[in-house]
Amino acid sequence: GFEKMEEISALNFAASASAAGCGRVIYLGGLGKDEEVLS
């Protein structure tokens, strides 16, 4: 379930950033193409 925890965390952050009028979010993600099989 860590994936769901990460998704909920991102949703909470995005909603608060939007409500606060934050101008931009800079996110450090991971390599890979969406169409590939990823870990």
Full PDB file with SEQRES, HELIX, SHEET, SSBOND, CRYST1, ORIGX, SCALE, CONECT and MASTER records, all heavy atoms in Angstrom:
SEQRES   1 A   39  GLY PHE GLU LYS MET GLU GLU ILE SER ALA LEU ASN PHE          
SEQRES   2 A   39  ALA ALA SER ALA SER ALA ALA GLY CYS GLY ARG VAL ILE          
SEQRES   3 A   39  TYR LEU GLY GLY LEU GLY LYS ASP GLU GLU VAL LEU SER          
HELIX    1 AA1 PHE A    2  ALA A   20  1                                  19    
CRYST1    1.000    1.000    1.000  90.00  90.00  90.00 P 1           1          
ORIGX1      1.000000  0.000000  0.000000        0.00000                         
ORIGX2      0.000000  1.000000  0.000000        0.00000                         
ORIGX3      0.000000  0.000000  1.000000        0.00000                         
SCALE1      1.000000  0.000000  0.000000        0.00000                         
SCALE2      0.000000  1.000000  0.000000        0.00000                         
SCALE3      0.000000  0.000000  1.000000        0.00000                         
ATOM      1  N   GLY A   1       0.771  -1.238   0.000  1.00  0.00           N  
ATOM      2  CA  GLY A   1       0.000   0.000   0.000  1.00  0.00           C  
ATOM      3  C   GLY A   1       0.804   1.290   0.000  1.00  0.00           C  
ATOM      4  O   GLY A   1       0.222   2.371   0.075  1.00  0.00           O  
ATOM      5  N   PHE A   2       2.143   1.219  -0.094  1.00  0.00           N  
ATOM      6  CA  PHE A   2       2.897   2.471  -0.076  1.00  0.00           C  
ATOM      7  C   PHE A   2       2.526   3.358  -1.257  1.00  0.00           C  
ATOM      8  O   PHE A   2       2.549   4.588  -1.158  1.00  0.00           O  
ATOM      9  CB  PHE A   2       4.411   2.242  -0.013  1.00  0.00           C  
ATOM     10  CG  PHE A   2       5.060   1.921  -1.338  1.00  0.00           C  
ATOM     11  CD1 PHE A   2       5.497   2.936  -2.180  1.00  0.00           C  
ATOM     12  CD2 PHE A   2       5.240   0.607  -1.736  1.00  0.00           C  
ATOM     13  CE1 PHE A   2       6.090   2.641  -3.400  1.00  0.00           C  
ATOM     14  CE2 PHE A   2       5.831   0.301  -2.947  1.00  0.00           C  
ATOM     15  CZ  PHE A   2       6.261   1.315  -3.787  1.00  0.00           C  
ATOM     16  N   GLU A   3       2.143   2.747  -2.375  1.00  0.00           N  
ATOM     17  CA  GLU A   3       1.775   3.523  -3.550  1.00  0.00           C  
ATOM     18  C   GLU A   3       0.558   4.404  -3.267  1.00  0.00           C  
ATOM     19  O   GLU A   3       0.519   5.568  -3.665  1.00  0.00           O  
ATOM     20  CB  GLU A   3       1.474   2.609  -4.742  1.00  0.00           C  
ATOM     21  CG  GLU A   3       2.642   1.751  -5.182  1.00  0.00           C  
ATOM     22  CD  GLU A   3       2.580   0.320  -4.665  1.00  0.00           C  
ATOM     23  OE1 GLU A   3       2.121   0.111  -3.512  1.00  0.00           O  
ATOM     24  OE2 GLU A   3       2.998  -0.590  -5.390  1.00  0.00           O  
ATOM     25  N   LYS A   4      -0.430   3.864  -2.582  1.00  0.00           N  
ATOM     26  CA  LYS A   4      -1.631   4.630  -2.245  1.00  0.00           C  
ATOM     27  C   LYS A   4      -1.284   5.747  -1.264  1.00  0.00           C  
ATOM     28  O   LYS A   4      -1.814   6.856  -1.369  1.00  0.00           O  
ATOM     29  CB  LYS A   4      -2.714   3.706  -1.664  1.00  0.00           C  
ATOM     30  CG  LYS A   4      -4.055   4.378  -1.553  1.00  0.00           C  
ATOM     31  CD  LYS A   4      -4.604   4.739  -2.928  1.00  0.00           C  
ATOM     32  CE  LYS A   4      -5.986   5.347  -2.835  1.00  0.00           C  
ATOM     33  NZ  LYS A   4      -6.423   5.877  -4.126  1.00  0.00           N  
ATOM     34  N   MET A   5      -0.384   5.463  -0.320  1.00  0.00           N  
ATOM     35  CA  MET A   5       0.052   6.498   0.618  1.00  0.00           C  
ATOM     36  C   MET A   5       0.720   7.652  -0.120  1.00  0.00           C  
ATOM     37  O   MET A   5       0.460   8.818   0.177  1.00  0.00           O  
ATOM     38  CB  MET A   5       1.006   5.908   1.658  1.00  0.00           C  
ATOM     39  CG  MET A   5       0.350   4.949   2.632  1.00  0.00           C  
ATOM     40  SD  MET A   5       1.542   4.185   3.761  1.00  0.00           S  
ATOM     41  CE  MET A   5       2.176   5.614   4.618  1.00  0.00           C  
ATOM     42  N   GLU A   6       1.570   7.336  -1.089  1.00  0.00           N  
ATOM     43  CA  GLU A   6       2.234   8.380  -1.861  1.00  0.00           C  
ATOM     44  C   GLU A   6       1.236   9.182  -2.683  1.00  0.00           C  
ATOM     45  O   GLU A   6       1.349  10.400  -2.802  1.00  0.00           O  
ATOM     46  CB  GLU A   6       3.313   7.782  -2.760  1.00  0.00           C  
ATOM     47  CG  GLU A   6       4.544   7.358  -2.008  1.00  0.00           C  
ATOM     48  CD  GLU A   6       5.733   7.100  -2.907  1.00  0.00           C  
ATOM     49  OE1 GLU A   6       5.553   6.772  -4.097  1.00  0.00           O  
ATOM     50  OE2 GLU A   6       6.860   7.237  -2.398  1.00  0.00           O  
ATOM     51  N   GLU A   7       0.239   8.497  -3.247  1.00  0.00           N  
ATOM     52  CA  GLU A   7      -0.780   9.185  -4.039  1.00  0.00           C  
ATOM     53  C   GLU A   7      -1.613  10.130  -3.170  1.00  0.00           C  
ATOM     54  O   GLU A   7      -1.861  11.280  -3.548  1.00  0.00           O  
ATOM     55  CB  GLU A   7      -1.690   8.147  -4.710  1.00  0.00           C  
ATOM     56  CG  GLU A   7      -2.698   8.758  -5.644  1.00  0.00           C  
ATOM     57  CD  GLU A   7      -3.518   7.698  -6.378  1.00  0.00           C  
ATOM     58  OE1 GLU A   7      -3.049   6.575  -6.569  1.00  0.00           O  
ATOM     59  OE2 GLU A   7      -4.650   8.043  -6.766  1.00  0.00           O  
ATOM     60  N   ILE A   8      -2.034   9.669  -2.016  1.00  0.00           N  
ATOM     61  CA  ILE A   8      -2.812  10.512  -1.095  1.00  0.00           C  
ATOM     62  C   ILE A   8      -1.978  11.704  -0.647  1.00  0.00           C  
ATOM     63  O   ILE A   8      -2.467  12.839  -0.594  1.00  0.00           O  
ATOM     64  CB  ILE A   8      -3.307   9.686   0.111  1.00  0.00           C  
ATOM     65  CG1 ILE A   8      -4.376   8.696  -0.339  1.00  0.00           C  
ATOM     66  CG2 ILE A   8      -3.821  10.583   1.238  1.00  0.00           C  
ATOM     67  CD1 ILE A   8      -4.720   7.632   0.693  1.00  0.00           C  
ATOM     68  N   SER A   9      -0.711  11.463  -0.339  1.00  0.00           N  
ATOM     69  CA  SER A   9       0.179  12.544   0.086  1.00  0.00           C  
ATOM     70  C   SER A   9       0.296  13.608  -0.999  1.00  0.00           C  
ATOM     71  O   SER A   9       0.216  14.814  -0.721  1.00  0.00           O  
ATOM     72  CB  SER A   9       1.564  11.984   0.422  1.00  0.00           C  
ATOM     73  OG  SER A   9       1.495  11.094   1.505  1.00  0.00           O  
ATOM     74  N   ALA A  10       0.480  13.171  -2.246  1.00  0.00           N  
ATOM     75  CA  ALA A  10       0.600  14.115  -3.364  1.00  0.00           C  
ATOM     76  C   ALA A  10      -0.702  14.883  -3.568  1.00  0.00           C  
ATOM     77  O   ALA A  10      -0.684  16.097  -3.830  1.00  0.00           O  
ATOM     78  CB  ALA A  10       0.990  13.377  -4.637  1.00  0.00           C  
ATOM     79  N   LEU A  11      -1.816  14.202  -3.450  1.00  0.00           N  
ATOM     80  CA  LEU A  11      -3.112  14.865  -3.606  1.00  0.00           C  
ATOM     81  C   LEU A  11      -3.313  15.926  -2.528  1.00  0.00           C  
ATOM     82  O   LEU A  11      -3.729  17.050  -2.819  1.00  0.00           O  
ATOM     83  CB  LEU A  11      -4.241  13.841  -3.564  1.00  0.00           C  
ATOM     84  CG  LEU A  11      -5.656  14.386  -3.720  1.00  0.00           C  
ATOM     85  CD1 LEU A  11      -5.827  15.143  -5.021  1.00  0.00           C  
ATOM     86  CD2 LEU A  11      -6.664  13.248  -3.645  1.00  0.00           C  
ATOM     87  N   ASN A  12      -2.995  15.605  -1.294  1.00  0.00           N  
ATOM     88  CA  ASN A  12      -3.114  16.572  -0.203  1.00  0.00           C  
ATOM     89  C   ASN A  12      -2.233  17.788  -0.460  1.00  0.00           C  
ATOM     90  O   ASN A  12      -2.656  18.934  -0.280  1.00  0.00           O  
ATOM     91  CB  ASN A  12      -2.730  15.929   1.134  1.00  0.00           C  
ATOM     92  CG  ASN A  12      -3.742  14.920   1.622  1.00  0.00           C  
ATOM     93  OD1 ASN A  12      -4.905  14.937   1.222  1.00  0.00           O  
ATOM     94  ND2 ASN A  12      -3.308  14.021   2.492  1.00  0.00           N  
ATOM     95  N   PHE A  13      -0.994  17.536  -0.874  1.00  0.00           N  
ATOM     96  CA  PHE A  13      -0.057  18.630  -1.121  1.00  0.00           C  
ATOM     97  C   PHE A  13      -0.530  19.502  -2.277  1.00  0.00           C  
ATOM     98  O   PHE A  13      -0.521  20.732  -2.178  1.00  0.00           O  
ATOM     99  CB  PHE A  13       1.342  18.072  -1.412  1.00  0.00           C  
ATOM    100  CG  PHE A  13       2.412  19.114  -1.414  1.00  0.00           C  
ATOM    101  CD1 PHE A  13       3.025  19.494  -0.235  1.00  0.00           C  
ATOM    102  CD2 PHE A  13       2.814  19.712  -2.599  1.00  0.00           C  
ATOM    103  CE1 PHE A  13       4.019  20.462  -0.231  1.00  0.00           C  
ATOM    104  CE2 PHE A  13       3.796  20.681  -2.606  1.00  0.00           C  
ATOM    105  CZ  PHE A  13       4.410  21.055  -1.425  1.00  0.00           C  
ATOM    106  N   ALA A  14      -0.941  18.872  -3.368  1.00  0.00           N  
ATOM    107  CA  ALA A  14      -1.393  19.623  -4.543  1.00  0.00           C  
ATOM    108  C   ALA A  14      -2.610  20.479  -4.221  1.00  0.00           C  
ATOM    109  O   ALA A  14      -2.684  21.642  -4.625  1.00  0.00           O  
ATOM    110  CB  ALA A  14      -1.705  18.662  -5.688  1.00  0.00           C  
ATOM    111  N   ALA A  15      -3.564  19.918  -3.492  1.00  0.00           N  
ATOM    112  CA  ALA A  15      -4.773  20.678  -3.141  1.00  0.00           C  
ATOM    113  C   ALA A  15      -4.432  21.868  -2.257  1.00  0.00           C  
ATOM    114  O   ALA A  15      -4.947  22.972  -2.467  1.00  0.00           O  
ATOM    115  CB  ALA A  15      -5.777  19.758  -2.449  1.00  0.00           C  
ATOM    116  N   SER A  16      -3.541  21.672  -1.291  1.00  0.00           N  
ATOM    117  CA  SER A  16      -3.151  22.785  -0.413  1.00  0.00           C  
ATOM    118  C   SER A  16      -2.358  23.833  -1.174  1.00  0.00           C  
ATOM    119  O   SER A  16      -2.533  25.032  -0.947  1.00  0.00           O  
ATOM    120  CB  SER A  16      -2.338  22.269   0.778  1.00  0.00           C  
ATOM    121  OG  SER A  16      -3.160  21.565   1.671  1.00  0.00           O  
ATOM    122  N   ALA A  17      -1.478  23.384  -2.081  1.00  0.00           N  
ATOM    123  CA  ALA A  17      -0.691  24.336  -2.878  1.00  0.00           C  
ATOM    124  C   ALA A  17      -1.606  25.180  -3.759  1.00  0.00           C  
ATOM    125  O   ALA A  17      -1.428  26.395  -3.879  1.00  0.00           O  
ATOM    126  CB  ALA A  17       0.335  23.593  -3.723  1.00  0.00           C  
ATOM    127  N   SER A  18      -2.598  24.542  -4.353  1.00  0.00           N  
ATOM    128  CA  SER A  18      -3.553  25.259  -5.193  1.00  0.00           C  
ATOM    129  C   SER A  18      -4.359  26.258  -4.371  1.00  0.00           C  
ATOM    130  O   SER A  18      -4.498  27.423  -4.758  1.00  0.00           O  
ATOM    131  CB  SER A  18      -4.477  24.258  -5.880  1.00  0.00           C  
ATOM    132  OG  SER A  18      -5.365  24.920  -6.734  1.00  0.00           O  
ATOM    133  N   ALA A  19      -4.882  25.813  -3.238  1.00  0.00           N  
ATOM    134  CA  ALA A  19      -5.677  26.699  -2.372  1.00  0.00           C  
ATOM    135  C   ALA A  19      -4.852  27.870  -1.856  1.00  0.00           C  
ATOM    136  O   ALA A  19      -5.372  28.967  -1.675  1.00  0.00           O  
ATOM    137  CB  ALA A  19      -6.257  25.902  -1.208  1.00  0.00           C  
ATOM    138  N   ALA A  20      -3.563  27.657  -1.636  1.00  0.00           N  
ATOM    139  CA  ALA A  20      -2.695  28.710  -1.114  1.00  0.00           C  
ATOM    140  C   ALA A  20      -2.249  29.686  -2.202  1.00  0.00           C  
ATOM    141  O   ALA A  20      -1.654  30.722  -1.898  1.00  0.00           O  
ATOM    142  CB  ALA A  20      -1.464  28.090  -0.455  1.00  0.00           C  
ATOM    143  N   GLY A  21      -2.497  29.351  -3.463  1.00  0.00           N  
ATOM    144  CA  GLY A  21      -2.059  30.220  -4.554  1.00  0.00           C  
ATOM    145  C   GLY A  21      -0.581  30.084  -4.863  1.00  0.00           C  
ATOM    146  O   GLY A  21       0.016  30.984  -5.454  1.00  0.00           O  
ATOM    147  N   CYS A  22       0.006  28.961  -4.491  1.00  0.00           N  
ATOM    148  CA  CYS A  22       1.412  28.705  -4.796  1.00  0.00           C  
ATOM    149  C   CYS A  22       1.589  28.727  -6.315  1.00  0.00           C  
ATOM    150  O   CYS A  22       0.791  28.143  -7.044  1.00  0.00           O  
ATOM    151  CB  CYS A  22       1.819  27.349  -4.210  1.00  0.00           C  
ATOM    152  SG  CYS A  22       3.530  26.897  -4.525  1.00  0.00           S  
ATOM    153  N   GLY A  23       2.622  29.392  -6.786  1.00  0.00           N  
ATOM    154  CA  GLY A  23       2.802  29.573  -8.217  1.00  0.00           C  
ATOM    155  C   GLY A  23       3.317  28.363  -8.970  1.00  0.00           C  
ATOM    156  O   GLY A  23       3.032  28.193 -10.152  1.00  0.00           O  
ATOM    157  N   ARG A  24       4.081  27.494  -8.310  1.00  0.00           N  
ATOM    158  CA  ARG A  24       4.682  26.350  -9.000  1.00  0.00           C  
ATOM    159  C   ARG A  24       5.119  25.315  -7.985  1.00  0.00           C  
ATOM    160  O   ARG A  24       5.575  25.659  -6.907  1.00  0.00           O  
ATOM    161  CB  ARG A  24       5.895  26.779  -9.825  1.00  0.00           C  
ATOM    162  CG  ARG A  24       6.638  25.608 -10.452  1.00  0.00           C  
ATOM    163  CD  ARG A  24       7.469  25.993 -11.644  1.00  0.00           C  
ATOM    164  NE  ARG A  24       6.741  26.723 -12.665  1.00  0.00           N  
ATOM    165  CZ  ARG A  24       6.016  26.177 -13.643  1.00  0.00           C  
ATOM    166  NH1 ARG A  24       5.886  24.871 -13.717  1.00  0.00           N  
ATOM    167  NH2 ARG A  24       5.418  26.925 -14.547  1.00  0.00           N  
ATOM    168  N   VAL A  25       5.003  24.057  -8.379  1.00  0.00           N  
ATOM    169  CA  VAL A  25       5.549  22.944  -7.600  1.00  0.00           C  
ATOM    170  C   VAL A  25       6.680  22.333  -8.413  1.00  0.00           C  
ATOM    171  O   VAL A  25       6.529  22.100  -9.617  1.00  0.00           O  
ATOM    172  CB  VAL A  25       4.471  21.877  -7.292  1.00  0.00           C  
ATOM    173  CG1 VAL A  25       5.093  20.627  -6.677  1.00  0.00           C  
ATOM    174  CG2 VAL A  25       3.407  22.447  -6.365  1.00  0.00           C  
ATOM    175  N   ILE A  26       7.802  22.114  -7.768  1.00  0.00           N  
ATOM    176  CA  ILE A  26       8.943  21.457  -8.396  1.00  0.00           C  
ATOM    177  C   ILE A  26       9.049  20.088  -7.754  1.00  0.00           C  
ATOM    178  O   ILE A  26       9.195  19.974  -6.536  1.00  0.00           O  
ATOM    179  CB  ILE A  26      10.250  22.254  -8.215  1.00  0.00           C  
ATOM    180  CG1 ILE A  26      10.121  23.645  -8.846  1.00  0.00           C  
ATOM    181  CG2 ILE A  26      11.422  21.517  -8.849  1.00  0.00           C  
ATOM    182  CD1 ILE A  26       9.803  24.727  -7.895  1.00  0.00           C  
ATOM    183  N   TYR A  27       8.960  19.057  -8.578  1.00  0.00           N  
ATOM    184  CA  TYR A  27       8.899  17.681  -8.080  1.00  0.00           C  
ATOM    185  C   TYR A  27      10.074  16.875  -8.590  1.00  0.00           C  
ATOM    186  O   TYR A  27      10.379  16.886  -9.788  1.00  0.00           O  
ATOM    187  CB  TYR A  27       7.585  17.036  -8.533  1.00  0.00           C  
ATOM    188  CG  TYR A  27       7.510  15.553  -8.304  1.00  0.00           C  
ATOM    189  CD1 TYR A  27       7.683  15.009  -7.035  1.00  0.00           C  
ATOM    190  CD2 TYR A  27       7.286  14.676  -9.362  1.00  0.00           C  
ATOM    191  CE1 TYR A  27       7.625  13.643  -6.828  1.00  0.00           C  
ATOM    192  CE2 TYR A  27       7.217  13.313  -9.166  1.00  0.00           C  
ATOM    193  CZ  TYR A  27       7.395  12.797  -7.893  1.00  0.00           C  
ATOM    194  OH  TYR A  27       7.335  11.447  -7.682  1.00  0.00           O  
ATOM    195  N   LEU A  28      10.727  16.167  -7.694  1.00  0.00           N  
ATOM    196  CA  LEU A  28      11.814  15.273  -8.066  1.00  0.00           C  
ATOM    197  C   LEU A  28      11.269  13.859  -8.126  1.00  0.00           C  
ATOM    198  O   LEU A  28      11.003  13.237  -7.100  1.00  0.00           O  
ATOM    199  CB  LEU A  28      12.955  15.364  -7.050  1.00  0.00           C  
ATOM    200  CG  LEU A  28      14.173  14.500  -7.347  1.00  0.00           C  
ATOM    201  CD1 LEU A  28      14.798  14.868  -8.687  1.00  0.00           C  
ATOM    202  CD2 LEU A  28      15.188  14.638  -6.231  1.00  0.00           C  
ATOM    203  N   GLY A  29      11.058  13.373  -9.335  1.00  0.00           N  
ATOM    204  CA  GLY A  29      10.509  12.038  -9.546  1.00  0.00           C  
ATOM    205  C   GLY A  29      11.601  11.049  -9.896  1.00  0.00           C  
ATOM    206  O   GLY A  29      12.762  11.220  -9.534  1.00  0.00           O  
ATOM    207  N   GLY A  30      11.225  10.016 -10.636  1.00  0.00           N  
ATOM    208  CA  GLY A  30      12.162   8.958 -10.997  1.00  0.00           C  
ATOM    209  C   GLY A  30      12.170   8.701 -12.491  1.00  0.00           C  
ATOM    210  O   GLY A  30      11.206   8.994 -13.194  1.00  0.00           O  
ATOM    211  N   LEU A  31      13.263   8.132 -12.961  1.00  0.00           N  
ATOM    212  CA  LEU A  31      13.434   7.840 -14.389  1.00  0.00           C  
ATOM    213  C   LEU A  31      12.432   6.828 -14.907  1.00  0.00           C  
ATOM    214  O   LEU A  31      11.761   6.150 -14.131  1.00  0.00           O  
ATOM    215  CB  LEU A  31      14.846   7.290 -14.634  1.00  0.00           C  
ATOM    216  CG  LEU A  31      15.998   8.270 -14.544  1.00  0.00           C  
ATOM    217  CD1 LEU A  31      17.308   7.537 -14.814  1.00  0.00           C  
ATOM    218  CD2 LEU A  31      15.837   9.414 -15.517  1.00  0.00           C  
ATOM    219  N   GLY A  32      12.375   6.722 -16.212  1.00  0.00           N  
ATOM    220  CA  GLY A  32      11.541   5.724 -16.865  1.00  0.00           C  
ATOM    221  C   GLY A  32      10.470   6.373 -17.724  1.00  0.00           C  
ATOM    222  O   GLY A  32      10.080   7.509 -17.491  1.00  0.00           O  
ATOM    223  N   LYS A  33      10.035   5.624 -18.713  1.00  0.00           N  
ATOM    224  CA  LYS A  33       8.956   6.073 -19.586  1.00  0.00           C  
ATOM    225  C   LYS A  33       7.662   5.454 -19.090  1.00  0.00           C  
ATOM    226  O   LYS A  33       7.629   4.279 -18.704  1.00  0.00           O  
ATOM    227  CB  LYS A  33       9.234   5.657 -21.030  1.00  0.00           C  
ATOM    228  CG  LYS A  33      10.464   6.317 -21.613  1.00  0.00           C  
ATOM    229  CD  LYS A  33      10.699   5.852 -23.024  1.00  0.00           C  
ATOM    230  CE  LYS A  33      11.962   6.504 -23.573  1.00  0.00           C  
ATOM    231  NZ  LYS A  33      12.273   5.987 -24.914  1.00  0.00           N  
ATOM    232  N   ASP A  34       6.604   6.212 -19.150  1.00  0.00           N  
ATOM    233  CA  ASP A  34       5.315   5.738 -18.645  1.00  0.00           C  
ATOM    234  C   ASP A  34       4.843   4.458 -19.329  1.00  0.00           C  
ATOM    235  O   ASP A  34       4.164   3.649 -18.715  1.00  0.00           O  
ATOM    236  CB  ASP A  34       4.253   6.829 -18.781  1.00  0.00           C  
ATOM    237  CG  ASP A  34       4.512   7.997 -17.843  1.00  0.00           C  
ATOM    238  OD1 ASP A  34       5.087   7.774 -16.764  1.00  0.00           O  
ATOM    239  OD2 ASP A  34       4.147   9.131 -18.192  1.00  0.00           O  
ATOM    240  N   GLU A  35       5.207   4.273 -20.582  1.00  0.00           N  
ATOM    241  CA  GLU A  35       4.742   3.086 -21.302  1.00  0.00           C  
ATOM    242  C   GLU A  35       5.602   1.848 -21.024  1.00  0.00           C  
ATOM    243  O   GLU A  35       5.289   0.759 -21.480  1.00  0.00           O  
ATOM    244  CB  GLU A  35       4.655   3.359 -22.809  1.00  0.00           C  
ATOM    245  CG  GLU A  35       5.956   3.774 -23.450  1.00  0.00           C  
ATOM    246  CD  GLU A  35       6.250   5.272 -23.359  1.00  0.00           C  
ATOM    247  OE1 GLU A  35       5.450   6.032 -22.781  1.00  0.00           O  
ATOM    248  OE2 GLU A  35       7.278   5.683 -23.872  1.00  0.00           O  
ATOM    249  N   GLU A  36       6.680   1.993 -20.275  1.00  0.00           N  
ATOM    250  CA  GLU A  36       7.535   0.863 -19.926  1.00  0.00           C  
ATOM    251  C   GLU A  36       7.012   0.171 -18.667  1.00  0.00           C  
ATOM    252  O   GLU A  36       6.247   0.745 -17.902  1.00  0.00           O  
ATOM    253  CB  GLU A  36       8.965   1.341 -19.666  1.00  0.00           C  
ATOM    254  CG  GLU A  36       9.667   1.896 -20.869  1.00  0.00           C  
ATOM    255  CD  GLU A  36      11.059   2.423 -20.548  1.00  0.00           C  
ATOM    256  OE1 GLU A  36      11.391   2.609 -19.364  1.00  0.00           O  
ATOM    257  OE2 GLU A  36      11.797   2.654 -21.509  1.00  0.00           O  
ATOM    258  N   VAL A  37       7.466  -1.060 -18.479  1.00  0.00           N  
ATOM    259  CA  VAL A  37       7.185  -1.747 -17.223  1.00  0.00           C  
ATOM    260  C   VAL A  37       8.178  -1.211 -16.200  1.00  0.00           C  
ATOM    261  O   VAL A  37       9.395  -1.308 -16.387  1.00  0.00           O  
ATOM    262  CB  VAL A  37       7.343  -3.276 -17.379  1.00  0.00           C  
ATOM    263  CG1 VAL A  37       7.149  -3.963 -16.043  1.00  0.00           C  
ATOM    264  CG2 VAL A  37       6.362  -3.807 -18.410  1.00  0.00           C  
ATOM    265  N   LEU A  38       7.658  -0.600 -15.151  1.00  0.00           N  
ATOM    266  CA  LEU A  38       8.495   0.036 -14.135  1.00  0.00           C  
ATOM    267  C   LEU A  38       8.396  -0.714 -12.820  1.00  0.00           C  
ATOM    268  O   LEU A  38       7.405  -1.398 -12.553  1.00  0.00           O  
ATOM    269  CB  LEU A  38       8.046   1.486 -13.912  1.00  0.00           C  
ATOM    270  CG  LEU A  38       8.086   2.412 -15.131  1.00  0.00           C  
ATOM    271  CD1 LEU A  38       7.411   3.732 -14.816  1.00  0.00           C  
ATOM    272  CD2 LEU A  38       9.518   2.642 -15.573  1.00  0.00           C  
ATOM    273  N   SER A  39       9.395  -0.558 -11.978  1.00  0.00           N  
ATOM    274  CA  SER A  39       9.321  -1.101 -10.630  1.00  0.00           C  
ATOM    275  C   SER A  39       8.177  -0.420  -9.890  1.00  0.00           C  
ATOM    276  O   SER A  39       7.690   0.642 -10.312  1.00  0.00           O  
ATOM    277  CB  SER A  39      10.635  -0.860  -9.880  1.00  0.00           C  
ATOM    278  OG  SER A  39      10.771   0.524  -9.578  1.00  0.00           O  
TER     279      SER A  39                                                      
MASTER        0    0    0    1    0    0    0    6  278    1    0    3          
END                                                                             
